[in-house]
PDB file of N, CA and C in Angstrom:
ATOM      1  N   MET A   1      22.104 -25.471 -10.690  1.00  0.00           N
ATOM      2  CA  MET A   1      21.151 -24.216 -11.145  1.00  0.00           C
ATOM      3  C   MET A   1      21.639 -23.190 -10.817  1.00  0.00           C
ATOM      4  N   GLU A   2      21.539 -22.071 -11.486  1.00  0.00           N
ATOM      5  CA  GLU A   2      21.715 -20.784 -11.251  1.00  0.00           C
ATOM      6  C   GLU A   2      20.370 -19.993 -11.242  1.00  0.00           C
ATOM      7  N   GLY A   3      20.493 -18.827 -10.428  1.00  0.00           N
ATOM      8  CA  GLY A   3      19.098 -18.226 -10.399  1.00  0.00           C
ATOM      9  C   GLY A   3      18.648 -18.025  -8.973  1.00  0.00           C
ATOM     10  N   PHE A   4      17.295 -17.994  -8.619  1.00  0.00           N
ATOM     11  CA  PHE A   4      16.784 -17.514  -7.375  1.00  0.00           C
ATOM     12  C   PHE A   4      16.646 -18.792  -6.912  1.00  0.00           C
ATOM     13  N   THR A   5      17.483 -19.367  -6.034  1.00  0.00           N
ATOM     14  CA  THR A   5      17.097 -20.655  -5.098  1.00  0.00           C
ATOM     15  C   THR A   5      16.460 -20.275  -3.725  1.00  0.00           C
ATOM     16  N   VAL A   6      16.316 -21.489  -3.165  1.00  0.00           N
ATOM     17  CA  VAL A   6      16.066 -21.365  -1.519  1.00  0.00           C
ATOM     18  C   VAL A   6      17.304 -20.537  -0.844  1.00  0.00           C
ATOM     19  N   SER A   7      18.177 -20.967  -1.047  1.00  0.00           N
ATOM     20  CA  SER A   7      19.497 -20.336  -0.323  1.00  0.00           C
ATOM     21  C   SER A   7      19.877 -19.005  -0.644  1.00  0.00           C
ATOM     22  N   ASN A   8      19.570 -18.651  -2.081  1.00  0.00           N
ATOM     23  CA  ASN A   8      19.951 -17.421  -2.650  1.00  0.00           C
ATOM     24  C   ASN A   8      18.511 -16.310  -1.945  1.00  0.00           C
ATOM     25  N   ALA A   9      17.352 -17.051  -1.700  1.00  0.00           N
ATOM     26  CA  ALA A   9      16.255 -16.329  -1.180  1.00  0.00           C
ATOM     27  C   ALA A   9      16.348 -15.934   0.253  1.00  0.00           C
ATOM     28  N   ASN A  10      16.842 -16.839   0.871  1.00  0.00           N
ATOM     29  CA  ASN A  10      17.178 -16.792   2.281  1.00  0.00           C
ATOM     30  C   ASN A  10      18.302 -15.879   2.428  1.00  0.00           C
ATOM     31  N   ARG A  11      19.458 -15.714   1.693  1.00  0.00           N
ATOM     32  CA  ARG A  11      20.318 -14.863   1.744  1.00  0.00           C
ATOM     33  C   ARG A  11      19.811 -13.437   1.129  1.00  0.00           C
ATOM     34  N   PHE A  12      19.203 -13.286   0.320  1.00  0.00           N
ATOM     35  CA  PHE A  12      18.234 -11.927  -0.057  1.00  0.00           C
ATOM     36  C   PHE A  12      17.605 -11.457   1.049  1.00  0.00           C
ATOM     37  N   LEU A  13      16.713 -12.261   1.736  1.00  0.00           N
ATOM     38  CA  LEU A  13      15.659 -11.876   2.889  1.00  0.00           C
ATOM     39  C   LEU A  13      16.571 -11.487   4.059  1.00  0.00           C
ATOM     40  N   ASP A  14      17.751 -12.037   4.159  1.00  0.00           N
ATOM     41  CA  ASP A  14      18.564 -11.692   5.396  1.00  0.00           C
ATOM     42  C   ASP A  14      19.434 -10.579   5.215  1.00  0.00           C
ATOM     43  N   THR A  15      19.800 -10.074   3.878  1.00  0.00           N
ATOM     44  CA  THR A  15      20.643  -9.135   3.537  1.00  0.00           C
ATOM     45  C   THR A  15      20.033  -7.966   2.808  1.00  0.00           C
ATOM     46  N   GLY A  16      18.875  -8.096   2.419  1.00  0.00           N
ATOM     47  CA  GLY A  16      18.251  -6.993   1.755  1.00  0.00           C
ATOM     48  C   GLY A  16      17.141  -6.159   2.229  1.00  0.00           C
ATOM     49  N   MET A  17      17.658  -5.623   3.358  1.00  0.00           N
ATOM     50  CA  MET A  17      16.809  -4.942   4.448  1.00  0.00           C
ATOM     51  C   MET A  17      16.669  -3.251   3.540  1.00  0.00           C
ATOM     52  N   VAL A  18      15.211  -3.143   3.532  1.00  0.00           N
ATOM     53  CA  VAL A  18      14.799  -1.795   2.779  1.00  0.00           C
ATOM     54  C   VAL A  18      14.168  -1.245   3.814  1.00  0.00           C
ATOM     55  N   ARG A  19      14.227  -0.051   4.462  1.00  0.00           N
ATOM     56  CA  ARG A  19      13.573   0.644   5.540  1.00  0.00           C
ATOM     57  C   ARG A  19      12.535   1.336   5.027  1.00  0.00           C
ATOM     58  N   GLY A  20      11.436   1.548   5.298  1.00  0.00           N
ATOM     59  CA  GLY A  20      10.221   2.219   4.909  1.00  0.00           C
ATOM     60  C   GLY A  20      10.620   3.828   5.096  1.00  0.00           C
ATOM     61  N   THR A  21       9.726   4.421   4.696  1.00  0.00           N
ATOM     62  CA  THR A  21       9.963   6.157   4.923  1.00  0.00           C
ATOM     63  C   THR A  21       9.022   6.388   6.069  1.00  0.00           C
ATOM     64  N   GLY A  22       8.389   5.430   6.441  1.00  0.00           N
ATOM     65  CA  GLY A  22       7.154   5.794   7.612  1.00  0.00           C
ATOM     66  C   GLY A  22       5.829   6.325   7.095  1.00  0.00           C
ATOM     67  N   ASP A  23       5.676   6.129   5.666  1.00  0.00           N
ATOM     68  CA  ASP A  23       4.431   6.270   4.891  1.00  0.00           C
ATOM     69  C   ASP A  23       3.544   5.029   5.527  1.00  0.00           C
ATOM     70  N   SER A  24       2.133   5.279   5.485  1.00  0.00           N
ATOM     71  CA  SER A  24       1.291   4.178   5.518  1.00  0.00           C
ATOM     72  C   SER A  24       1.330   2.954   4.624  1.00  0.00           C
ATOM     73  N   GLN A  25       1.535   1.968   4.903  1.00  0.00           N
ATOM     74  CA  GLN A  25       1.767   0.877   3.369  1.00  0.00           C
ATOM     75  C   GLN A  25       0.820  -0.139   4.116  1.00  0.00           C
ATOM     76  N   SER A  26       0.182  -1.005   2.988  1.00  0.00           N
ATOM     77  CA  SER A  26      -0.685  -2.037   3.235  1.00  0.00           C
ATOM     78  C   SER A  26      -0.474  -2.843   2.286  1.00  0.00           C
ATOM     79  N   LEU A  27      -0.681  -4.324   2.865  1.00  0.00           N
ATOM     80  CA  LEU A  27      -0.157  -5.585   2.067  1.00  0.00           C
ATOM     81  C   LEU A  27      -1.421  -6.196   2.195  1.00  0.00           C
ATOM     82  N   SER A  28      -1.936  -6.806   1.246  1.00  0.00           N
ATOM     83  CA  SER A  28      -3.399  -7.435   1.412  1.00  0.00           C
ATOM     84  C   SER A  28      -3.071  -8.803   0.421  1.00  0.00           C
ATOM     85  N   ILE A  29      -2.820  -9.902   0.796  1.00  0.00           N
ATOM     86  CA  ILE A  29      -2.727 -11.025   0.401  1.00  0.00           C
ATOM     87  C   ILE A  29      -3.783 -12.195   1.108  1.00  0.00           C
ATOM     88  N   GLY A  30      -4.462 -12.909   0.407  1.00  0.00           N
ATOM     89  CA  GLY A  30      -5.320 -13.679   0.905  1.00  0.00           C
ATOM     90  C   GLY A  30      -6.558 -13.288   1.849  1.00  0.00           C
ATOM     91  N   GLY A  31      -6.828 -11.811   1.549  1.00  0.00           N
ATOM     92  CA  GLY A  31      -7.943 -11.577   2.309  1.00  0.00           C
ATOM     93  C   GLY A  31      -7.447 -10.842   3.461  1.00  0.00           C
ATOM     94  N   SER A  32      -6.398 -10.949   4.112  1.00  0.00           N
ATOM     95  CA  SER A  32      -5.876 -10.353   5.375  1.00  0.00           C
ATOM     96  C   SER A  32      -5.226  -9.224   5.237  1.00  0.00           C
ATOM     97  N   SER A  33      -5.342  -7.957   5.523  1.00  0.00           N
ATOM     98  CA  SER A  33      -4.485  -6.756   5.243  1.00  0.00           C
ATOM     99  C   SER A  33      -3.748  -6.360   6.662  1.00  0.00           C
ATOM    100  N   SER A  34      -2.723  -5.945   6.579  1.00  0.00           N
ATOM    101  CA  SER A  34      -2.053  -5.415   7.464  1.00  0.00           C
ATOM    102  C   SER A  34      -1.332  -3.842   7.296  1.00  0.00           C
ATOM    103  N   THR A  35      -1.973  -2.831   7.850  1.00  0.00           N
ATOM    104  CA  THR A  35      -1.497  -1.643   7.818  1.00  0.00           C
ATOM    105  C   THR A  35      -0.205  -1.078   8.760  1.00  0.00           C
ATOM    106  N   SER A  36       0.596  -0.534   8.178  1.00  0.00           N
ATOM    107  CA  SER A  36       1.917  -0.232   9.281  1.00  0.00           C
ATOM    108  C   SER A  36       1.311   0.898   9.986  1.00  0.00           C
ATOM    109  N   SER A  37       1.628   0.751  11.488  1.00  0.00           N
ATOM    110  CA  SER A  37       1.213   1.507  12.253  1.00  0.00           C
ATOM    111  C   SER A  37       2.437   2.044  13.001  1.00  0.00           C
ATOM    112  N   THR A  38       2.423   2.688  14.318  1.00  0.00           N
ATOM    113  CA  THR A  38       3.802   2.882  15.186  1.00  0.00           C
ATOM    114  C   THR A  38       4.585   1.847  15.394  1.00  0.00           C
ATOM    115  N   SER A  39       4.022   0.472  15.386  1.00  0.00           N
ATOM    116  CA  SER A  39       5.039  -0.700  15.897  1.00  0.00           C
ATOM    117  C   SER A  39       5.490  -1.359  14.601  1.00  0.00           C
ATOM    118  N   ASP A  40       4.760  -1.098  13.415  1.00  0.00           N
ATOM    119  CA  ASP A  40       5.167  -1.417  12.244  1.00  0.00           C
ATOM    120  C   ASP A  40       6.231  -0.793  11.289  1.00  0.00           C
ATOM    121  N   ALA A  41       6.271   0.770  12.201  1.00  0.00           N
ATOM    122  CA  ALA A  41       6.886   1.834  11.116  1.00  0.00           C
ATOM    123  C   ALA A  41       8.565   1.367  10.601  1.00  0.00           C
ATOM    124  N   GLY A  42       9.047   0.419  11.638  1.00  0.00           N
ATOM    125  CA  GLY A  42      10.562   0.041  11.423  1.00  0.00           C
ATOM    126  C   GLY A  42      10.637  -1.415  10.775  1.00  0.00           C
ATOM    127  N   LYS A  43       9.417  -1.780  10.351  1.00  0.00           N
ATOM    128  CA  LYS A  43       9.328  -3.230   9.502  1.00  0.00           C
ATOM    129  C   LYS A  43      10.104  -3.225   8.059  1.00  0.00           C
ATOM    130  N   SER A  44      11.027  -4.075   8.241  1.00  0.00           N
ATOM    131  CA  SER A  44      11.684  -3.987   6.978  1.00  0.00           C
ATOM    132  C   SER A  44      10.883  -4.638   5.735  1.00  0.00           C
ATOM    133  N   PHE A  45      11.678  -4.590   4.300  1.00  0.00           N
ATOM    134  CA  PHE A  45      10.747  -5.126   3.472  1.00  0.00           C
ATOM    135  C   PHE A  45      10.880  -6.575   3.379  1.00  0.00           C
ATOM    136  N   ALA A  46      12.112  -7.021   3.898  1.00  0.00           N
ATOM    137  CA  ALA A  46      12.142  -8.575   4.088  1.00  0.00           C
ATOM    138  C   ALA A  46      11.233  -9.104   5.057  1.00  0.00           C
ATOM    139  N   ASP A  47      11.100  -8.452   6.152  1.00  0.00           N
ATOM    140  CA  ASP A  47       9.984  -8.833   7.099  1.00  0.00           C
ATOM    141  C   ASP A  47       8.596  -8.902   6.645  1.00  0.00           C
ATOM    142  N   THR A  48       8.359  -7.799   6.059  1.00  0.00           N
ATOM    143  CA  THR A  48       7.052  -8.027   4.966  1.00  0.00           C
ATOM    144  C   THR A  48       6.774  -8.867   4.203  1.00  0.00           C
ATOM    145  N   LEU A  49       7.999  -9.236   3.561  1.00  0.00           N
ATOM    146  CA  LEU A  49       7.786 -10.253   2.506  1.00  0.00           C
ATOM    147  C   LEU A  49       7.707 -11.865   3.483  1.00  0.00           C
ATOM    148  N   LYS A  50       8.393 -11.919   4.183  1.00  0.00           N
ATOM    149  CA  LYS A  50       8.330 -13.052   4.992  1.00  0.00           C
ATOM    150  C   LYS A  50       6.826 -13.412   5.438  1.00  0.00           C
ATOM    151  N   ASP A  51       6.382 -12.057   6.070  1.00  0.00           N
ATOM    152  CA  ASP A  51       4.830 -12.263   6.434  1.00  0.00           C
ATOM    153  C   ASP A  51       3.974 -12.738   5.584  1.00  0.00           C
ATOM    154  N   ALA A  52       4.239 -12.128   4.255  1.00  0.00           N
ATOM    155  CA  ALA A  52       3.306 -12.705   3.018  1.00  0.00           C
ATOM    156  C   ALA A  52       3.419 -13.731   2.750  1.00  0.00           C
ATOM    157  N   VAL A  53       4.389 -14.551   2.771  1.00  0.00           N
ATOM    158  CA  VAL A  53       4.995 -15.681   2.502  1.00  0.00           C
ATOM    159  C   VAL A  53       4.168 -16.694   3.473  1.00  0.00           C
ATOM    160  N   ASN A  54       4.437 -16.462   4.735  1.00  0.00           N
ATOM    161  CA  ASN A  54       3.891 -17.108   5.709  1.00  0.00           C
ATOM    162  C   ASN A  54       2.210 -17.314   5.737  1.00  0.00           C
ATOM    163  N   SER A  55       1.773 -16.081   5.364  1.00  0.00           N
ATOM    164  CA  SER A  55       0.230 -16.197   5.230  1.00  0.00           C
ATOM    165  C   SER A  55      -0.315 -16.610   3.890  1.00  0.00           C
ATOM    166  N   VAL A  56       0.573 -17.157   2.938  1.00  0.00           N
ATOM    167  CA  VAL A  56       0.245 -17.631   1.646  1.00  0.00           C
ATOM    168  C   VAL A  56       0.264 -19.113   2.159  1.00  0.00           C
ATOM    169  N   ASN A  57       1.493 -19.489   2.939  1.00  0.00           N
ATOM    170  CA  ASN A  57       1.559 -20.924   3.319  1.00  0.00           C
ATOM    171  C   ASN A  57       0.580 -21.401   4.116  1.00  0.00           C
ATOM    172  N   GLU A  58      -0.085 -20.521   5.063  1.00  0.00           N
ATOM    173  CA  GLU A  58      -1.140 -20.953   6.208  1.00  0.00           C
ATOM    174  C   GLU A  58      -2.351 -21.131   5.229  1.00  0.00           C
ATOM    175  N   MET A  59      -2.663 -20.106   4.178  1.00  0.00           N
ATOM    176  CA  MET A  59      -3.968 -20.580   3.412  1.00  0.00           C
ATOM    177  C   MET A  59      -3.799 -21.915   2.643  1.00  0.00           C
ATOM    178  N   GLN A  60      -2.371 -22.336   2.098  1.00  0.00           N
ATOM    179  CA  GLN A  60      -2.272 -23.380   1.588  1.00  0.00           C
ATOM    180  C   GLN A  60      -2.591 -24.464   2.529  1.00  0.00           C
ATOM    181  N   LYS A  61      -2.126 -24.394   3.617  1.00  0.00           N
ATOM    182  CA  LYS A  61      -2.263 -25.406   4.586  1.00  0.00           C
ATOM    183  C   LYS A  61      -3.981 -25.721   4.961  1.00  0.00           C
ATOM    184  N   SER A  62      -4.522 -24.700   5.189  1.00  0.00           N
ATOM    185  CA  SER A  62      -5.721 -24.705   5.545  1.00  0.00           C
ATOM    186  C   SER A  62      -6.840 -25.272   4.310  1.00  0.00           C
ATOM    187  N   SER A  63      -6.257 -24.762   3.155  1.00  0.00           N
ATOM    188  CA  SER A  63      -7.041 -25.527   1.987  1.00  0.00           C
ATOM    189  C   SER A  63      -6.720 -26.977   1.976  1.00  0.00           C
ATOM    190  N   ASP A  64      -5.601 -27.240   2.111  1.00  0.00           N
ATOM    191  CA  ASP A  64      -5.365 -28.802   2.025  1.00  0.00           C
ATOM    192  C   ASP A  64      -5.929 -29.654   3.199  1.00  0.00           C
ATOM    193  N   LYS A  65      -6.157 -29.059   4.543  1.00  0.00           N
ATOM    194  CA  LYS A  65      -6.910 -29.652   5.474  1.00  0.00           C
ATOM    195  C   LYS A  65      -8.455 -29.652   5.032  1.00  0.00           C
ATOM    196  N   ALA A  66      -8.932 -28.656   4.529  1.00  0.00           N
ATOM    197  CA  ALA A  66     -10.381 -28.821   4.124  1.00  0.00           C
ATOM    198  C   ALA A  66     -10.502 -29.830   3.078  1.00  0.00           C
ATOM    199  N   MET A  67      -9.816 -29.846   1.817  1.00  0.00           N
ATOM    200  CA  MET A  67      -9.658 -30.966   1.006  1.00  0.00           C
ATOM    201  C   MET A  67      -9.892 -32.240   1.615  1.00  0.00           C
ATOM    202  N   GLN A  68      -8.933 -32.244   2.403  1.00  0.00           N
ATOM    203  CA  GLN A  68      -8.744 -33.597   3.103  1.00  0.00           C
ATOM    204  C   GLN A  68     -10.071 -34.087   4.005  1.00  0.00           C
ATOM    205  N   ALA A  69     -10.681 -33.212   4.834  1.00  0.00           N
ATOM    206  CA  ALA A  69     -11.742 -33.517   5.585  1.00  0.00           C
ATOM    207  C   ALA A  69     -12.871 -33.736   4.447  1.00  0.00           C
ATOM    208  N   LEU A  70     -12.945 -32.855   3.468  1.00  0.00           N
ATOM    209  CA  LEU A  70     -13.876 -33.311   2.294  1.00  0.00           C
ATOM    210  C   LEU A  70     -13.831 -34.876   1.766  1.00  0.00           C
ATOM    211  N   ALA A  71     -12.485 -35.062   1.371  1.00  0.00           N
ATOM    212  CA  ALA A  71     -12.425 -36.420   1.004  1.00  0.00           C
ATOM    213  C   ALA A  71     -12.791 -37.557   1.976  1.00  0.00           C
ATOM    214  N   THR A  72     -12.163 -37.310   3.471  1.00  0.00           N
ATOM    215  CA  THR A  72     -12.570 -38.234   4.285  1.00  0.00           C
ATOM    216  C   THR A  72     -13.960 -38.345   4.812  1.00  0.00           C
ATOM    217  N   GLY A  73     -14.901 -37.455   4.352  1.00  0.00           N
ATOM    218  CA  GLY A  73     -16.198 -37.539   4.465  1.00  0.00           C
ATOM    219  C   GLY A  73     -16.507 -36.581   5.887  1.00  0.00           C
ATOM    220  N   LYS A  74     -15.246 -36.191   6.479  1.00  0.00           N
ATOM    221  CA  LYS A  74     -15.609 -35.380   7.790  1.00  0.00           C
ATOM    222  C   LYS A  74     -16.502 -34.108   7.508  1.00  0.00           C
ATOM    223  N   THR A  75     -16.574 -33.697   6.210  1.00  0.00           N
ATOM    224  CA  THR A  75     -17.474 -32.370   5.974  1.00  0.00           C
ATOM    225  C   THR A  75     -18.205 -32.632   4.933  1.00  0.00           C
ATOM    226  N   ASP A  76     -19.301 -32.044   4.455  1.00  0.00           N
ATOM    227  CA  ASP A  76     -19.956 -32.301   3.315  1.00  0.00           C
ATOM    228  C   ASP A  76     -20.217 -30.759   2.406  1.00  0.00           C
ATOM    229  N   ASN A  77     -19.785 -29.794   3.178  1.00  0.00           N
ATOM    230  CA  ASN A  77     -19.682 -28.495   2.589  1.00  0.00           C
ATOM    231  C   ASN A  77     -18.817 -28.066   1.435  1.00  0.00           C
ATOM    232  N   VAL A  78     -19.150 -28.520   0.304  1.00  0.00           N
ATOM    233  CA  VAL A  78     -18.294 -28.450  -1.076  1.00  0.00           C
ATOM    234  C   VAL A  78     -17.908 -26.924  -1.345  1.00  0.00           C
ATOM    235  N   ALA A  79     -18.642 -25.957  -0.997  1.00  0.00           N
ATOM    236  CA  ALA A  79     -18.741 -24.956  -1.315  1.00  0.00           C
ATOM    237  C   ALA A  79     -17.543 -24.163  -0.450  1.00  0.00           C
ATOM    238  N   ASP A  80     -17.307 -24.357   0.786  1.00  0.00           N
ATOM    239  CA  ASP A  80     -16.585 -23.866   1.533  1.00  0.00           C
ATOM    240  C   ASP A  80     -15.003 -24.313   1.232  1.00  0.00           C
ATOM    241  N   VAL A  81     -14.976 -25.370   0.793  1.00  0.00           N
ATOM    242  CA  VAL A  81     -13.740 -26.527   0.448  1.00  0.00           C
ATOM    243  C   VAL A  81     -13.231 -25.382  -0.807  1.00  0.00           C
ATOM    244  N   MET A  82     -14.118 -25.454  -1.869  1.00  0.00           N
ATOM    245  CA  MET A  82     -13.884 -24.753  -2.947  1.00  0.00           C
ATOM    246  C   MET A  82     -13.346 -23.334  -3.036  1.00  0.00           C
ATOM    247  N   ILE A  83     -13.965 -22.550  -1.929  1.00  0.00           N
ATOM    248  CA  ILE A  83     -13.643 -20.985  -1.777  1.00  0.00           C
ATOM    249  C   ILE A  83     -12.373 -20.953  -1.246  1.00  0.00           C
ATOM    250  N   ALA A  84     -12.048 -22.002  -0.265  1.00  0.00           N
ATOM    251  CA  ALA A  84     -10.504 -21.989   0.558  1.00  0.00           C
ATOM    252  C   ALA A  84      -9.861 -22.368  -0.681  1.00  0.00           C
ATOM    253  N   ALA A  85      -9.978 -23.259  -1.542  1.00  0.00           N
ATOM    254  CA  ALA A  85      -8.805 -23.747  -2.331  1.00  0.00           C
ATOM    255  C   ALA A  85      -8.512 -22.605  -3.785  1.00  0.00           C
ATOM    256  N   GLU A  86      -9.685 -21.701  -3.942  1.00  0.00           N
ATOM    257  CA  GLU A  86      -9.431 -20.701  -4.857  1.00  0.00           C
ATOM    258  C   GLU A  86      -8.850 -19.570  -4.341  1.00  0.00           C
ATOM    259  N   LYS A  87      -8.802 -19.214  -2.969  1.00  0.00           N
ATOM    260  CA  LYS A  87      -8.366 -18.283  -2.146  1.00  0.00           C
ATOM    261  C   LYS A  87      -7.161 -18.449  -2.055  1.00  0.00           C
ATOM    262  N   ALA A  88      -6.549 -19.748  -1.735  1.00  0.00           N
ATOM    263  CA  ALA A  88      -5.059 -20.115  -1.584  1.00  0.00           C
ATOM    264  C   ALA A  88      -4.566 -19.968  -3.107  1.00  0.00           C
ATOM    265  N   ASP A  89      -5.142 -20.408  -3.996  1.00  0.00           N
ATOM    266  CA  ASP A  89      -4.648 -20.428  -5.302  1.00  0.00           C
ATOM    267  C   ASP A  89      -4.225 -18.994  -5.900  1.00  0.00           C
ATOM    268  N   ILE A  90      -5.384 -18.323  -5.629  1.00  0.00           N
ATOM    269  CA  ILE A  90      -5.320 -16.741  -5.911  1.00  0.00           C
ATOM    270  C   ILE A  90      -4.082 -16.067  -5.220  1.00  0.00           C
ATOM    271  N   ALA A  91      -4.012 -16.472  -4.079  1.00  0.00           N
ATOM    272  CA  ALA A  91      -2.878 -15.894  -3.060  1.00  0.00           C
ATOM    273  C   ALA A  91      -1.326 -16.463  -3.561  1.00  0.00           C
ATOM    274  N   LEU A  92      -1.261 -17.711  -4.009  1.00  0.00           N
ATOM    275  CA  LEU A  92      -0.258 -18.251  -4.631  1.00  0.00           C
ATOM    276  C   LEU A  92       0.226 -17.591  -5.924  1.00  0.00           C
ATOM    277  N   ARG A  93      -0.683 -17.346  -6.818  1.00  0.00           N
ATOM    278  CA  ARG A  93      -0.599 -16.569  -7.887  1.00  0.00           C
ATOM    279  C   ARG A  93      -0.127 -15.469  -7.820  1.00  0.00           C
ATOM    280  N   VAL A  94      -0.540 -14.443  -6.839  1.00  0.00           N
ATOM    281  CA  VAL A  94      -0.023 -13.061  -6.686  1.00  0.00           C
ATOM    282  C   VAL A  94       1.172 -13.200  -5.928  1.00  0.00           C
ATOM    283  N   MET A  95       1.486 -14.052  -5.169  1.00  0.00           N
ATOM    284  CA  MET A  95       2.779 -14.281  -4.500  1.00  0.00           C
ATOM    285  C   MET A  95       3.983 -14.545  -5.543  1.00  0.00           C
ATOM    286  N   VAL A  96       3.500 -15.498  -6.571  1.00  0.00           N
ATOM    287  CA  VAL A  96       4.589 -15.858  -7.654  1.00  0.00           C
ATOM    288  C   VAL A  96       4.814 -14.486  -8.596  1.00  0.00           C
ATOM    289  N   GLN A  97       3.718 -13.560  -8.787  1.00  0.00           N
ATOM    290  CA  GLN A  97       3.826 -12.265  -9.420  1.00  0.00           C
ATOM    291  C   GLN A  97       4.689 -11.398  -8.689  1.00  0.00           C
ATOM    292  N   VAL A  98       4.668 -11.092  -7.498  1.00  0.00           N
ATOM    293  CA  VAL A  98       5.452 -10.582  -6.728  1.00  0.00           C
ATOM    294  C   VAL A  98       6.896 -10.803  -6.903  1.00  0.00           C
ATOM    295  N   ARG A  99       7.257 -12.226  -6.831  1.00  0.00           N
ATOM    296  CA  ARG A  99       8.559 -12.736  -6.941  1.00  0.00           C
ATOM    297  C   ARG A  99       8.958 -12.208  -7.807  1.00  0.00           C
ATOM    298  N   ASN A 100       8.347 -12.411  -8.908  1.00  0.00           N
ATOM    299  CA  ASN A 100       8.604 -12.281 -10.626  1.00  0.00           C
ATOM    300  C   ASN A 100       9.211 -10.733 -10.500  1.00  0.00           C
ATOM    301  N   LYS A 101       8.380  -9.854  -9.902  1.00  0.00           N
ATOM    302  CA  LYS A 101       8.736  -8.625 -10.125  1.00  0.00           C
ATOM    303  C   LYS A 101       9.906  -8.263  -9.155  1.00  0.00           C
ATOM    304  N   ILE A 102      10.162  -8.807  -8.066  1.00  0.00           N
ATOM    305  CA  ILE A 102      11.120  -8.754  -7.434  1.00  0.00           C
ATOM    306  C   ILE A 102      12.422  -9.144  -8.066  1.00  0.00           C
ATOM    307  N   ILE A 103      12.449 -10.109  -8.652  1.00  0.00           N
ATOM    308  CA  ILE A 103      13.661 -10.827  -9.468  1.00  0.00           C
ATOM    309  C   ILE A 103      14.040  -9.632 -10.853  1.00  0.00           C
ATOM    310  N   ASP A 104      12.879  -9.469 -11.111  1.00  0.00           N
ATOM    311  CA  ASP A 104      13.068  -8.118 -12.598  1.00  0.00           C
ATOM    312  C   ASP A 104      13.770  -6.695 -11.886  1.00  0.00           C
ATOM    313  N   ALA A 105      13.396  -6.505 -10.734  1.00  0.00           N
ATOM    314  CA  ALA A 105      13.819  -5.293 -10.243  1.00  0.00           C
ATOM    315  C   ALA A 105      15.311  -5.519  -9.719  1.00  0.00           C
ATOM    316  N   TYR A 106      15.671  -6.711  -9.240  1.00  0.00           N
ATOM    317  CA  TYR A 106      17.310  -6.963  -8.833  1.00  0.00           C
ATOM    318  C   TYR A 106      17.852  -7.261 -10.089  1.00  0.00           C
ATOM    319  N   GLN A 107      17.128  -7.716 -10.950  1.00  0.00           N
ATOM    320  CA  GLN A 107      18.234  -7.854 -12.376  1.00  0.00           C
ATOM    321  C   GLN A 107      18.198  -6.265 -13.033  1.00  0.00           C
ATOM    322  N   GLU A 108      17.297  -5.419 -12.998  1.00  0.00           N
ATOM    323  CA  GLU A 108      17.654  -4.226 -13.378  1.00  0.00           C
ATOM    324  C   GLU A 108      18.630  -3.489 -12.757  1.00  0.00           C
ATOM    325  N   VAL A 109      18.662  -3.514 -11.486  1.00  0.00           N
ATOM    326  CA  VAL A 109      19.741  -2.803 -10.580  1.00  0.00           C
ATOM    327  C   VAL A 109      21.123  -3.600 -10.776  1.00  0.00           C
ATOM    328  N   MET A 110      21.121  -4.658 -11.031  1.00  0.00           N
ATOM    329  CA  MET A 110      22.465  -5.504 -11.141  1.00  0.00           C
ATOM    330  C   MET A 110      23.008  -4.943 -12.642  1.00  0.00           C
ATOM    331  N   LYS A 111      21.982  -4.406 -13.727  1.00  0.00           N
ATOM    332  CA  LYS A 111      22.431  -4.025 -15.079  1.00  0.00           C
ATOM    333  C   LYS A 111      22.983  -2.602 -14.794  1.00  0.00           C
ATOM    334  N   MET A 112      22.654  -1.448 -13.798  1.00  0.00           N
ATOM    335  CA  MET A 112      22.834  -0.152 -13.590  1.00  0.00           C
ATOM    336  C   MET A 112      24.301  -0.182 -13.494  1.00  0.00           C
ATOM    337  N   GLN A 113      25.070   0.955 -14.170  1.00  0.00           N
ATOM    338  CA  GLN A 113      26.290   1.104 -13.847  1.00  0.00           C
ATOM    339  C   GLN A 113      26.423   2.059 -12.902  1.00  0.00           C
ATOM    340  N   VAL A 114      27.778   1.884 -12.090  1.00  0.00           N
ATOM    341  CA  VAL A 114      28.043   2.827 -11.136  1.00  0.00           C
ATOM    342  C   VAL A 114      29.021   3.852 -11.410  1.00  0.00           C
TER     343      VAL A 114
END
């Protein structure tokens, strides 16, 4: 299967380094935002993307744990479980849209004539 596979994504993340211009940038996925400061000024696009994927992954894991706790009777707070599940779902949908935009941008760059 051709396309954007895991190995291609890892290769893209390892080689697709895009350095920022030092402007203040913020990334907000899943309610946690990180603004670039002096320590993040040299942070590459790939590192930012990896952090966002890890954040979404952690949200999915915490949502799964909350659902498991509800199913086993360890908690009876349905509202918190549903909120965690919805946050994880929205974060995943945003990440999928970001991925789609990255793929579209990559395809546009590849279409450019040199």
